Amino acid sequence: KPKARVVERIGRADEPRSISLISIAEHQIPFQFSPAGLTQAKEAGPATLGKRTDLRQVPLVTIDGDDARDFDDAVFAEPDTDPKNEGGWRLLVAIADVAHYVRTGDALDKTARERGNSAYFPDRVVPMLPEELSNGWCSLKPNEDRPCMAVEIVIDAKGNKLRHRFMRGLMRSQARLTYEQVQEARDGRPTDFTRPLLEPILKPLYGAFQALLKAREARGTLDLDIPERRVFLGEDGHIERIVPRSRLDSHRLIEEFMIAANVAAAEALEKRHRPCMYRVHDQPDPVRIEALRQFIEGLGFKLARGQVIRPKHFTRLLEQAKGTPYEAMIHTLTLRSQMPAVYSPENLGHFGLALQRYAHFTSPIRRYSDLLVHRALITAYGFGEDGLPPDAGATFEATGQHISATERRAAAAERDAIDRYVAHFMSERVGENFDGRINGVARFGLFVTLNETGADGLLPVGTLPADFYDHDERAHALIGRRNGRAFQLGAPITVRLAAAQPLTGGLTFELVAGGSAHQDDRAGPSAGRRSAAHHPPSPARKGPKRPKPVKSRGKGRKRR
């Protein structure tokens, strides 16, 4: 007979405190450190200046989310004083020197590689490194000396990099700032804390940021706006509210500084012929692009034909959709048409950022890829004995595949946990009506995203008005054969929450209002393929027998 044993009690399945633990267990994310690793972390201590560059007088600041605990990057900017570079800027990006504490092959290195990255949940973090390091000696806390890997970057007035210089330093953060604090100060509402920092620190940062934006625009990058949800928990672990995450200019500022540093790292390693763990984003699949093109053309939008697709072509599409009811949907569909970004020692470039070479250098506390890049730079510049071993490059291919997989694993676990939190939160609102949009169409129903919380759920085809429904794959729609009512991707819809399943994260809806009259003007050879399994001919048509369309009896709805 099959036997099993209980290895851990997570808690009650209907308790919010169990939600993240369920996802961690389900996706098999390692969360315990070895005794040797814990001992190594506890024995860590402060770094000394030694041969490091002394950066403690540079007013570097960290800018992170208000819930961040591991601060692995700090920034500074000032106008370039070189008269030949009028309007140019000098940037300094300092990153936590994790390689000082975690060396190739030691106990913590093995654990960090196994995890690949930290995983973040609403109520907890599964860190790549123990808290003694991630929140302690590696974290760039204000007014405390910390070892760092830093890069000085000089750019011109248009944001083009003129030169860069790496160094291994000792720094002291001048302030721990949040994105919201920086944005408020920038918008003319500084607090007593940020007011003294506005002129000497924040305004130069924004000046350099504006230059970097010019370079980004000139490259023609792909900038997608995909809403994320943030779950706020009370002290008892119960959900207080769920809101979309805001995307501020202060977020973009840090993003651009990090991109500049990442590019410099990739270029430096390539120039010095050292192994590099590139962050690569390949060209989109032509089949996906053609499917996207066919669908958006039916909505009146255009995507370039007859040429190699570039990020700027997608940007033009997003500009066409801006301000229309289809804006959010076009962003989502564009994202789905892209290839996933992965880690690889082979440089394939980064399509979305329109960059020829790119690596991750700026988050070694939470990403193993960045730690490898740090070690490669230490070896390349002769910064110490804690760089890469001579044969390390031979393992990069396997390591890249592994950490790409752990990244996907963490993202799936984080997403599932959010879905469960949302379902738990929404379980108290069963029976209420919500406005939303159709974000997916399948033969068996519609996937709907609610405007208020960003929650996703299923509207089964059986709850639609009584009819036979054809699944038009090209139009991304369910179309009633008798009533002509069409439910198309991106269309607004009002639904009633019929059920919420906190254990699975599932939401089920019923239709309240939505759908539009369908005009089929795509008959003939140019109409495109409809799924034979999903779109059978009407009884009056001649042709081979095909599977029946999906029938809805209007279950769960009162007939009027």
Protein backbone atom coordinates (compact mmCIF):
# COMPACT_ATOMS: atom_id res chain seq x y z
CA LYS A 1 0.00 0.00 0.00
CA PRO A 2 1.21 3.54 -0.73
CA LYS A 3 2.54 5.29 2.34
CA ALA A 4 3.25 8.92 3.11
CA ARG A 5 4.48 10.94 6.02
CA VAL A 6 3.77 14.50 7.10
CA VAL A 7 6.91 16.58 6.68
CA GLU A 8 5.49 19.96 7.65
CA ARG A 9 2.26 21.53 8.85
CA ILE A 10 1.58 24.71 6.94
CA GLY A 11 -1.57 25.68 8.84
CA ARG A 12 -5.24 26.08 8.00
CA ALA A 13 -5.80 26.34 4.25
CA ASP A 14 -8.34 29.15 4.72
CA GLU A 15 -5.97 31.31 6.77
CA PRO A 16 -4.21 34.17 4.93
CA ARG A 17 -0.95 33.35 6.70
CA SER A 18 -0.90 29.97 4.93
CA ILE A 19 -1.27 31.35 1.42
CA SER A 20 2.38 32.08 0.67
CA LEU A 21 3.49 28.85 2.35
CA ILE A 22 1.19 26.87 0.06
CA SER A 23 2.77 28.48 -3.01
CA ILE A 24 6.28 27.93 -1.68
CA ALA A 25 5.55 24.24 -1.10
CA GLU A 26 3.64 23.78 -4.35
CA HIS A 27 6.47 25.20 -6.46
CA GLN A 28 9.18 23.52 -4.37
CA ILE A 29 11.07 26.70 -3.60
CA PRO A 30 13.95 25.97 -1.19
CA PHE A 31 13.53 27.99 1.98
CA GLN A 32 15.91 26.47 4.52
CA PHE A 33 19.62 27.23 4.71
CA SER A 34 22.18 24.60 5.58
CA PRO A 35 23.80 24.78 9.03
CA ALA A 36 27.10 25.58 7.32
CA GLY A 37 25.48 28.41 5.38
CA LEU A 38 23.88 29.89 8.49
CA THR A 39 27.18 29.71 10.35
CA GLN A 40 28.93 31.43 7.45
CA ALA A 41 26.36 34.25 7.47
CA LYS A 42 26.56 34.73 11.24
CA GLU A 43 30.35 34.96 11.12
CA ALA A 44 30.26 37.76 8.53
CA GLY A 45 31.38 41.21 9.59
CA PRO A 46 32.19 44.69 8.30
CA ALA A 47 34.54 45.19 5.37
CA THR A 48 37.60 47.40 5.70
CA LEU A 49 38.84 50.00 3.22
CA GLY A 50 42.06 48.20 2.29
CA LYS A 51 42.68 48.67 -1.45
CA ARG A 52 39.11 49.79 -2.09
CA THR A 53 38.24 53.21 -3.47
CA ASP A 54 36.90 55.40 -0.67
CA LEU A 55 33.44 56.57 -1.75
CA ARG A 56 32.16 57.48 1.71
CA GLN A 57 32.12 61.21 0.97
CA VAL A 58 30.01 60.80 -2.18
CA PRO A 59 26.35 61.54 -1.32
CA LEU A 60 24.97 58.27 -2.66
CA VAL A 61 21.34 57.48 -1.81
CA THR A 62 19.14 54.41 -2.12
CA ILE A 63 15.66 54.69 -3.66
CA ASP A 64 13.40 51.67 -3.16
CA GLY A 65 9.86 50.64 -2.36
CA ASP A 66 8.52 51.49 1.08
CA ASP A 67 8.45 47.79 1.97
CA ALA A 68 12.02 47.02 0.81
CA ARG A 69 14.51 45.62 3.30
CA ASP A 70 17.44 44.68 1.08
CA PHE A 71 19.05 47.76 -0.44
CA ASP A 72 21.50 46.64 -3.10
CA ASP A 73 21.89 49.78 -5.23
CA ALA A 74 22.70 53.43 -4.57
CA VAL A 75 22.95 56.31 -7.05
CA PHE A 76 24.52 59.73 -7.47
CA ALA A 77 24.76 62.21 -10.34
CA GLU A 78 26.36 65.57 -11.01
CA PRO A 79 26.96 67.74 -14.08
CA ASP A 80 30.13 66.87 -15.97
CA THR A 81 32.68 69.66 -15.53
CA ASP A 82 34.50 68.83 -18.77
CA PRO A 83 33.95 71.82 -21.12
CA LYS A 84 34.00 69.40 -24.06
CA ASN A 85 30.90 67.69 -22.67
CA GLU A 86 28.54 70.60 -22.20
CA GLY A 87 25.23 69.46 -20.74
CA GLY A 88 26.69 66.06 -19.93
CA TRP A 89 26.52 64.18 -16.65
CA ARG A 90 28.65 61.99 -14.43
CA LEU A 91 26.75 59.10 -12.85
CA LEU A 92 27.85 56.82 -10.06
CA VAL A 93 26.01 53.56 -9.45
CA ALA A 94 27.16 51.61 -6.39
CA ILE A 95 26.04 48.01 -5.86
CA ALA A 96 26.34 45.80 -2.78
CA ASP A 97 29.54 43.74 -2.90
CA VAL A 98 28.02 40.32 -2.25
CA ALA A 99 31.08 38.58 -3.71
CA HIS A 100 33.05 39.79 -0.68
CA TYR A 101 30.88 37.60 1.55
CA VAL A 102 29.87 34.73 -0.78
CA ARG A 103 32.68 32.98 -2.64
CA THR A 104 32.54 30.41 -5.40
CA GLY A 105 31.81 26.93 -4.04
CA ASP A 106 31.22 27.85 -0.39
CA ALA A 107 28.07 26.87 1.50
CA LEU A 108 26.15 30.05 0.74
CA ASP A 109 27.19 30.00 -2.91
CA LYS A 110 25.72 26.53 -3.34
CA THR A 111 22.47 27.64 -1.72
CA ALA A 112 22.33 30.84 -3.75
CA ARG A 113 22.81 28.96 -7.00
CA GLU A 114 20.13 26.43 -6.04
CA ARG A 115 17.60 29.19 -5.35
CA GLY A 116 18.72 31.34 -8.25
CA ASN A 117 16.91 34.37 -6.88
CA SER A 118 14.82 35.65 -4.02
CA ALA A 119 11.06 35.16 -4.11
CA TYR A 120 8.77 37.92 -2.85
CA PHE A 121 5.32 37.38 -1.35
CA PRO A 122 2.90 39.82 0.29
CA ASP A 123 3.75 38.58 3.79
CA ARG A 124 7.30 37.28 3.47
CA VAL A 125 10.44 36.93 1.40
CA VAL A 126 12.28 33.73 0.61
CA PRO A 127 15.74 35.32 0.28
CA MET A 128 18.58 34.02 -1.84
CA LEU A 129 20.90 34.79 1.07
CA PRO A 130 20.32 34.67 4.86
CA GLU A 131 18.99 37.85 6.44
CA GLU A 132 22.31 38.47 8.21
CA LEU A 133 23.61 39.29 4.72
CA SER A 134 20.57 40.25 2.63
CA ASN A 135 19.18 42.67 5.21
CA GLY A 136 22.44 43.17 7.08
CA TRP A 137 26.06 43.32 5.94
CA CYS A 138 25.29 43.44 2.21
CA SER A 139 22.41 45.91 2.45
CA LEU A 140 23.38 49.53 1.74
CA LYS A 141 21.86 50.95 4.90
CA PRO A 142 22.08 54.70 5.51
CA ASN A 143 25.03 56.03 7.48
CA GLU A 144 26.78 52.65 7.63
CA ASP A 145 29.98 51.69 5.81
CA ARG A 146 29.37 49.03 3.19
CA PRO A 147 31.58 47.36 0.57
CA CYS A 148 30.42 47.92 -2.99
CA MET A 149 31.13 47.38 -6.64
CA ALA A 150 30.68 50.73 -8.37
CA VAL A 151 30.71 52.09 -11.88
CA GLU A 152 31.25 55.70 -12.88
CA ILE A 153 29.51 56.52 -16.16
CA VAL A 154 29.93 59.72 -18.15
CA ILE A 155 27.13 60.55 -20.59
CA ASP A 156 26.57 63.45 -22.97
CA ALA A 157 23.54 65.73 -23.05
CA LYS A 158 21.68 63.18 -25.20
CA GLY A 159 22.30 60.33 -22.78
CA ASN A 160 24.94 58.58 -24.87
CA LYS A 161 27.65 56.88 -22.83
CA LEU A 162 31.09 58.35 -23.45
CA ARG A 163 33.05 56.18 -21.05
CA HIS A 164 32.78 54.18 -17.86
CA ARG A 165 35.08 53.06 -15.06
CA PHE A 166 34.54 50.22 -12.58
CA MET A 167 35.89 50.25 -9.05
CA ARG A 168 35.62 48.26 -5.86
CA GLY A 169 34.81 50.65 -3.09
CA LEU A 170 33.63 51.39 0.40
CA MET A 171 30.56 53.61 0.56
CA ARG A 172 28.17 55.14 3.07
CA SER A 173 24.60 55.81 1.94
CA GLN A 174 23.44 59.32 2.81
CA ALA A 175 19.73 58.48 2.88
CA ARG A 176 17.22 55.68 2.45
CA LEU A 177 14.51 57.12 0.19
CA THR A 178 11.30 55.66 -1.20
CA TYR A 179 9.95 56.11 -4.71
CA GLU A 180 6.99 58.02 -3.31
CA GLN A 181 9.19 60.41 -1.29
CA VAL A 182 11.34 61.19 -4.32
CA GLN A 183 8.32 61.70 -6.57
CA GLU A 184 6.62 63.99 -4.07
CA ALA A 185 9.78 66.09 -3.75
CA ARG A 186 10.16 66.25 -7.51
CA ASP A 187 6.54 67.36 -7.88
CA GLY A 188 7.06 70.30 -5.54
CA ARG A 189 5.89 68.70 -2.29
CA PRO A 190 9.10 67.93 -0.38
CA THR A 191 8.96 66.88 3.25
CA ASP A 192 11.26 68.03 6.02
CA PHE A 193 13.33 64.93 5.27
CA THR A 194 13.62 65.34 1.49
CA ARG A 195 13.81 69.15 1.28
CA PRO A 196 17.55 69.34 2.13
CA LEU A 197 18.24 66.65 -0.49
CA LEU A 198 16.31 68.26 -3.32
CA GLU A 199 18.90 70.65 -4.76
CA PRO A 200 22.20 68.83 -4.13
CA ILE A 201 21.04 65.25 -4.81
CA LEU A 202 17.58 64.78 -6.33
CA LYS A 203 17.63 67.47 -9.02
CA PRO A 204 20.94 66.26 -10.50
CA LEU A 205 19.58 62.71 -10.50
CA TYR A 206 16.58 63.87 -12.50
CA GLY A 207 18.80 65.87 -14.83
CA ALA A 208 20.82 62.78 -15.70
CA PHE A 209 17.60 60.78 -15.95
CA GLN A 210 16.21 63.15 -18.57
CA ALA A 211 19.37 62.71 -20.63
CA LEU A 212 19.12 58.92 -20.36
CA LEU A 213 15.50 59.10 -21.51
CA LYS A 214 16.63 60.86 -24.68
CA ALA A 215 18.97 57.98 -25.45
CA ARG A 216 16.21 55.48 -24.73
CA GLU A 217 13.85 57.25 -27.10
CA ALA A 218 16.53 57.42 -29.79
CA ARG A 219 17.08 53.66 -29.50
CA GLY A 220 13.36 53.04 -29.88
CA THR A 221 12.79 50.74 -26.91
CA LEU A 222 9.66 48.79 -26.07
CA ASP A 223 8.03 50.24 -22.95
CA LEU A 224 5.04 48.18 -21.87
CA ASP A 225 2.70 49.27 -19.11
CA ILE A 226 1.38 46.08 -17.52
CA PRO A 227 -0.46 46.74 -14.23
CA GLU A 228 0.69 44.83 -11.16
CA ARG A 229 -1.26 44.29 -7.96
CA ARG A 230 -0.08 45.03 -4.46
CA VAL A 231 -1.61 43.31 -1.46
CA PHE A 232 -1.67 45.20 1.85
CA LEU A 233 -1.91 43.04 4.96
CA GLY A 234 -2.87 43.99 8.49
CA GLU A 235 -0.90 42.98 11.57
CA ASP A 236 -3.11 39.90 11.90
CA GLY A 237 -2.17 38.78 8.40
CA HIS A 238 -5.58 39.50 6.89
CA ILE A 239 -5.91 41.45 3.66
CA GLU A 240 -6.78 45.11 4.11
CA ARG A 241 -6.83 46.18 0.47
CA ILE A 242 -5.55 45.31 -2.98
CA VAL A 243 -4.50 48.12 -5.31
CA PRO A 244 -2.65 48.40 -8.62
CA ARG A 245 1.03 49.24 -8.22
CA SER A 246 1.77 52.77 -9.34
CA ARG A 247 4.54 53.43 -11.87
CA LEU A 248 6.18 56.75 -11.09
CA ASP A 249 8.94 58.72 -12.78
CA SER A 250 11.08 57.88 -9.75
CA HIS A 251 10.74 54.19 -10.67
CA ARG A 252 11.87 54.96 -14.19
CA LEU A 253 14.80 57.03 -12.91
CA ILE A 254 16.25 54.08 -11.03
CA GLU A 255 15.42 51.80 -13.95
CA GLU A 256 17.47 53.94 -16.35
CA PHE A 257 20.43 54.20 -13.98
CA MET A 258 20.42 50.42 -13.55
CA ILE A 259 20.20 49.83 -17.31
CA ALA A 260 23.20 52.10 -17.84
CA ALA A 261 25.21 50.17 -15.25
CA ASN A 262 24.14 46.81 -16.67
CA VAL A 263 25.22 47.82 -20.17
CA ALA A 264 28.59 48.98 -18.85
CA ALA A 265 29.12 45.62 -17.12
CA ALA A 266 28.36 43.63 -20.27
CA GLU A 267 30.59 45.84 -22.40
CA ALA A 268 33.45 45.69 -19.90
CA LEU A 269 33.45 41.89 -19.75
CA GLU A 270 33.19 41.55 -23.51
CA LYS A 271 36.05 43.99 -24.05
CA ARG A 272 38.25 42.12 -21.56
CA HIS A 273 37.30 38.72 -23.02
CA ARG A 274 35.84 37.40 -19.79
CA PRO A 275 32.83 35.11 -19.35
CA CYS A 276 29.59 37.04 -19.00
CA MET A 277 26.12 35.92 -18.00
CA TYR A 278 24.11 37.98 -20.45
CA ARG A 279 20.47 38.88 -20.00
CA VAL A 280 19.16 38.14 -23.48
CA HIS A 281 15.80 38.91 -25.04
CA ASP A 282 15.50 37.37 -28.50
CA GLN A 283 13.52 38.57 -31.50
CA PRO A 284 9.77 37.81 -31.36
CA ASP A 285 8.45 34.67 -33.04
CA PRO A 286 7.15 35.62 -36.54
CA VAL A 287 4.11 33.37 -36.06
CA ARG A 288 3.11 35.28 -32.93
CA ILE A 289 3.69 38.59 -34.66
CA GLU A 290 1.47 37.64 -37.58
CA ALA A 291 -1.30 36.50 -35.22
CA LEU A 292 -1.07 39.82 -33.38
CA ARG A 293 -1.06 41.75 -36.65
CA GLN A 294 -4.18 40.00 -37.97
CA PHE A 295 -6.10 40.66 -34.78
CA ILE A 296 -5.21 44.33 -34.35
CA GLU A 297 -5.92 45.11 -38.00
CA GLY A 298 -9.49 44.03 -37.33
CA LEU A 299 -9.60 46.77 -34.68
CA GLY A 300 -8.17 49.42 -36.99
CA PHE A 301 -4.57 49.34 -35.75
CA LYS A 302 -1.45 48.68 -37.81
CA LEU A 303 1.85 46.91 -37.23
CA ALA A 304 4.68 47.24 -39.74
CA ARG A 305 4.90 44.65 -42.53
CA GLY A 306 7.61 43.61 -44.96
CA GLN A 307 10.58 44.43 -42.75
CA VAL A 308 12.51 43.18 -39.76
CA ILE A 309 10.39 43.96 -36.73
CA ARG A 310 11.95 46.40 -34.27
CA PRO A 311 10.91 47.59 -30.81
CA LYS A 312 10.00 50.97 -32.32
CA HIS A 313 7.35 49.28 -34.46
CA PHE A 314 5.62 48.00 -31.33
CA THR A 315 5.99 51.44 -29.77
CA ARG A 316 4.12 52.95 -32.71
CA LEU A 317 1.37 50.40 -32.19
CA LEU A 318 1.12 51.33 -28.50
CA GLU A 319 0.93 55.00 -29.48
CA GLN A 320 -1.98 54.22 -31.83
CA ALA A 321 -3.83 52.49 -28.98
CA LYS A 322 -3.14 55.18 -26.38
CA GLY A 323 -6.34 56.69 -25.05
CA THR A 324 -8.56 54.11 -26.75
CA PRO A 325 -10.63 51.43 -25.00
CA TYR A 326 -8.13 48.89 -26.33
CA GLU A 327 -5.00 50.42 -24.77
CA ALA A 328 -4.57 47.95 -21.90
CA MET A 329 -5.39 45.01 -24.14
CA ILE A 330 -2.85 46.04 -26.80
CA HIS A 331 -0.15 46.29 -24.12
CA THR A 332 -1.03 42.80 -22.88
CA LEU A 333 -1.14 41.27 -26.37
CA THR A 334 2.17 42.89 -27.26
CA LEU A 335 3.72 41.37 -24.15
CA ARG A 336 2.34 37.93 -25.05
CA SER A 337 3.89 38.20 -28.51
CA GLN A 338 7.40 38.60 -27.08
CA MET A 339 9.96 35.94 -26.32
CA PRO A 340 10.86 35.49 -22.64
CA ALA A 341 14.09 37.05 -21.43
CA VAL A 342 16.63 34.49 -20.20
CA TYR A 343 20.20 34.18 -18.96
CA SER A 344 22.88 32.88 -21.30
CA PRO A 345 26.64 33.14 -21.88
CA GLU A 346 25.80 33.63 -25.56
CA ASN A 347 25.07 37.25 -26.40
CA LEU A 348 21.87 37.52 -28.43
CA GLY A 349 21.21 41.14 -27.51
CA HIS A 350 18.16 42.53 -25.75
CA PHE A 351 15.28 43.15 -28.15
CA GLY A 352 12.99 45.04 -25.78
CA LEU A 353 15.66 47.49 -24.65
CA ALA A 354 17.14 47.74 -28.17
CA LEU A 355 20.60 46.96 -26.83
CA GLN A 356 23.37 44.92 -28.45
CA ARG A 357 24.75 43.68 -25.15
CA TYR A 358 23.17 43.58 -21.71
CA ALA A 359 23.77 41.83 -18.38
CA HIS A 360 22.33 41.97 -14.88
CA PHE A 361 24.80 43.59 -12.49
CA THR A 362 22.70 45.66 -10.09
CA SER A 363 20.93 43.17 -7.77
CA PRO A 364 23.40 40.57 -6.46
CA ILE A 365 21.56 40.27 -3.13
CA ARG A 366 18.54 38.75 -4.86
CA ARG A 367 19.84 37.39 -8.22
CA TYR A 368 22.59 34.83 -8.69
CA SER A 369 23.22 36.06 -12.25
CA ASP A 370 24.37 39.42 -10.89
CA LEU A 371 26.72 37.75 -8.42
CA LEU A 372 28.36 35.89 -11.31
CA VAL A 373 28.79 39.15 -13.22
CA HIS A 374 30.37 40.76 -10.14
CA ARG A 375 32.85 37.90 -9.85
CA ALA A 376 33.69 38.17 -13.53
CA LEU A 377 34.37 41.90 -13.14
CA ILE A 378 36.54 41.30 -10.07
CA THR A 379 38.65 38.90 -12.11
CA ALA A 380 38.67 41.11 -15.20
CA TYR A 381 39.93 44.15 -13.29
CA GLY A 382 42.12 42.33 -10.75
CA PHE A 383 40.07 43.58 -7.82
CA GLY A 384 40.80 40.58 -5.59
CA GLU A 385 41.02 36.81 -5.22
CA ASP A 386 37.27 36.31 -4.82
CA GLY A 387 36.38 36.50 -8.51
CA LEU A 388 35.66 33.68 -10.95
CA PRO A 389 37.77 30.50 -10.97
CA PRO A 390 39.65 29.94 -14.25
CA ASP A 391 37.23 27.24 -15.47
CA ALA A 392 34.00 28.97 -14.40
CA GLY A 393 32.99 29.92 -17.92
CA ALA A 394 32.46 26.26 -18.81
CA THR A 395 29.56 26.08 -16.34
CA PHE A 396 27.78 29.23 -17.49
CA GLU A 397 25.54 27.52 -20.04
CA ALA A 398 24.06 25.10 -17.50
CA THR A 399 23.89 27.79 -14.83
CA GLY A 400 22.09 30.15 -17.20
CA GLN A 401 19.45 27.54 -17.96
CA HIS A 402 19.06 26.77 -14.27
CA ILE A 403 18.62 30.34 -13.05
CA SER A 404 16.26 31.11 -15.94
CA ALA A 405 14.13 28.22 -14.66
CA THR A 406 14.30 29.37 -11.03
CA GLU A 407 13.25 32.85 -12.13
CA ARG A 408 10.16 31.38 -13.82
CA ARG A 409 9.50 29.24 -10.76
CA ALA A 410 9.58 32.22 -8.40
CA ALA A 411 7.38 34.29 -10.71
CA ALA A 412 4.80 31.50 -10.89
CA ALA A 413 4.80 31.08 -7.10
CA GLU A 414 4.45 34.82 -6.53
CA ARG A 415 1.61 35.02 -9.07
CA ASP A 416 -0.23 32.06 -7.54
CA ALA A 417 0.08 33.54 -4.06
CA ILE A 418 -1.34 36.86 -5.24
CA ASP A 419 -4.24 35.04 -6.92
CA ARG A 420 -5.01 33.20 -3.67
CA TYR A 421 -4.84 36.39 -1.63
CA VAL A 422 -7.17 38.08 -4.09
CA ALA A 423 -9.62 35.16 -3.99
CA HIS A 424 -9.57 35.21 -0.19
CA PHE A 425 -10.19 38.96 -0.19
CA MET A 426 -12.98 38.68 -2.78
CA SER A 427 -14.70 35.77 -0.99
CA GLU A 428 -16.43 38.33 1.22
CA ARG A 429 -17.87 40.07 -1.85
CA VAL A 430 -19.60 37.17 -3.57
CA GLY A 431 -22.79 38.44 -5.18
CA GLU A 432 -21.44 41.94 -5.91
CA ASN A 433 -21.20 43.41 -9.41
CA PHE A 434 -17.90 44.57 -10.90
CA ASP A 435 -16.78 46.32 -14.06
CA GLY A 436 -13.92 44.77 -15.98
CA ARG A 437 -12.52 43.80 -19.36
CA ILE A 438 -12.25 40.55 -21.27
CA ASN A 439 -8.55 39.58 -21.17
CA GLY A 440 -8.83 36.11 -22.67
CA VAL A 441 -11.20 34.09 -24.82
CA ALA A 442 -11.46 30.30 -24.90
CA ARG A 443 -14.00 27.79 -26.18
CA PHE A 444 -15.26 27.21 -22.63
CA GLY A 445 -15.63 30.86 -21.60
CA LEU A 446 -14.16 34.30 -21.05
CA PHE A 447 -11.34 35.40 -18.77
CA VAL A 448 -12.18 38.72 -17.15
CA THR A 449 -9.97 41.21 -15.31
CA LEU A 450 -11.73 43.48 -12.81
CA ASN A 451 -10.96 47.19 -12.95
CA GLU A 452 -11.08 47.70 -9.19
CA THR A 453 -8.58 45.11 -7.97
CA GLY A 454 -7.00 43.67 -11.11
CA ALA A 455 -8.42 40.29 -10.10
CA ASP A 456 -8.78 37.69 -12.86
CA GLY A 457 -11.52 35.10 -13.13
CA LEU A 458 -13.54 32.92 -15.47
CA LEU A 459 -16.93 33.69 -16.97
CA PRO A 460 -18.08 30.22 -18.14
CA VAL A 461 -19.77 30.03 -21.53
CA GLY A 462 -22.71 28.30 -19.84
CA THR A 463 -23.63 31.52 -18.05
CA LEU A 464 -23.85 33.58 -21.26
CA PRO A 465 -27.25 34.30 -22.83
CA ALA A 466 -28.76 31.07 -24.20
CA ASP A 467 -27.29 30.37 -27.64
CA PHE A 468 -24.71 28.32 -29.53
CA TYR A 469 -21.33 30.10 -29.30
CA ASP A 470 -18.58 29.87 -31.91
CA HIS A 471 -15.00 30.54 -30.86
CA ASP A 472 -13.53 32.81 -33.52
CA GLU A 473 -9.79 32.47 -32.96
CA ARG A 474 -8.80 35.25 -35.31
CA ALA A 475 -11.22 37.74 -33.76
CA HIS A 476 -10.50 36.46 -30.23
CA ALA A 477 -14.23 36.31 -29.59
CA LEU A 478 -17.16 34.10 -28.67
CA ILE A 479 -20.01 34.82 -31.07
CA GLY A 480 -23.62 33.77 -30.62
CA ARG A 481 -24.95 32.10 -33.77
CA ARG A 482 -28.57 33.14 -33.28
CA ASN A 483 -28.41 36.37 -31.34
CA GLY A 484 -25.21 37.60 -33.03
CA ARG A 485 -23.85 38.74 -29.69
CA ALA A 486 -20.04 38.92 -29.63
CA PHE A 487 -17.77 38.85 -26.59
CA GLN A 488 -14.36 39.99 -27.82
CA LEU A 489 -10.97 40.31 -26.22
CA GLY A 490 -10.52 43.75 -24.66
CA ALA A 491 -14.22 44.58 -24.55
CA PRO A 492 -15.70 46.12 -21.38
CA ILE A 493 -17.99 43.88 -19.40
CA THR A 494 -19.92 43.90 -16.12
CA VAL A 495 -19.98 40.70 -14.11
CA ARG A 496 -21.30 39.36 -10.83
CA LEU A 497 -18.92 37.43 -8.59
CA ALA A 498 -20.50 33.99 -8.31
CA ALA A 499 -17.80 32.13 -6.40
CA ALA A 500 -14.32 32.59 -4.93
CA GLN A 501 -11.98 29.71 -4.10
CA PRO A 502 -9.12 30.92 -1.84
CA LEU A 503 -7.40 27.53 -1.90
CA THR A 504 -6.98 27.54 -5.69
CA GLY A 505 -7.12 31.30 -6.29
CA GLY A 506 -10.04 30.86 -8.67
CA LEU A 507 -12.87 33.36 -9.24
CA THR A 508 -16.04 32.55 -11.16
CA PHE A 509 -18.28 35.23 -12.65
CA GLU A 510 -21.75 35.56 -14.12
CA LEU A 511 -22.62 38.02 -16.86
CA VAL A 512 -24.48 41.19 -15.91
CA ALA A 513 -23.92 43.32 -19.00
CA GLY A 514 -21.65 43.25 -22.02
CA GLY A 515 -21.26 41.92 -25.50
CA SER A 516 -21.97 43.70 -28.76
CA ALA A 517 -23.64 43.05 -32.08
CA HIS A 518 -21.32 41.11 -34.38
CA GLN A 519 -20.67 42.24 -37.92
CA ASP A 520 -18.93 39.46 -39.90
CA ASP A 521 -17.37 41.27 -42.82
CA ARG A 522 -14.46 38.90 -43.15
CA ALA A 523 -16.07 36.19 -45.29
CA GLY A 524 -14.11 34.74 -48.15
CA PRO A 525 -10.55 33.52 -48.61
CA SER A 526 -9.07 36.54 -46.83
CA ALA A 527 -11.09 35.95 -43.69
CA GLY A 528 -8.32 33.95 -42.08
CA ARG A 529 -8.51 30.55 -40.40
CA ARG A 530 -11.14 29.78 -37.83
CA SER A 531 -10.66 26.77 -35.65
CA ALA A 532 -12.44 23.76 -37.14
CA ALA A 533 -12.96 22.46 -33.64
CA HIS A 534 -14.34 25.74 -32.39
CA HIS A 535 -16.21 27.17 -35.34
CA PRO A 536 -18.42 24.60 -37.09
CA PRO A 537 -20.58 25.54 -40.07
CA SER A 538 -24.24 26.30 -39.56
CA PRO A 539 -26.69 23.49 -40.47
CA ALA A 540 -27.55 25.31 -43.71
CA ARG A 541 -23.95 25.20 -44.94
CA LYS A 542 -22.53 22.40 -46.99
CA GLY A 543 -19.26 20.87 -46.02
CA PRO A 544 -17.67 18.20 -43.87
CA LYS A 545 -19.19 17.48 -40.51
CA ARG A 546 -17.41 19.28 -37.68
CA PRO A 547 -17.71 19.33 -33.89
CA LYS A 548 -20.67 21.17 -32.47
CA PRO A 549 -20.38 24.72 -31.17
CA VAL A 550 -20.55 25.33 -27.45
CA LYS A 551 -24.10 25.72 -26.23
CA SER A 552 -25.14 28.03 -23.44
CA ARG A 553 -28.43 27.54 -21.65
CA GLY A 554 -28.01 30.77 -19.76
CA LYS A 555 -27.38 28.95 -16.49
CA GLY A 556 -27.31 31.08 -13.42
CA ARG A 557 -29.12 33.98 -15.07
CA LYS A 558 -32.69 35.09 -14.69
CA ARG A 559 -34.52 35.33 -17.98
CA ARG A 560 -36.21 38.58 -18.67
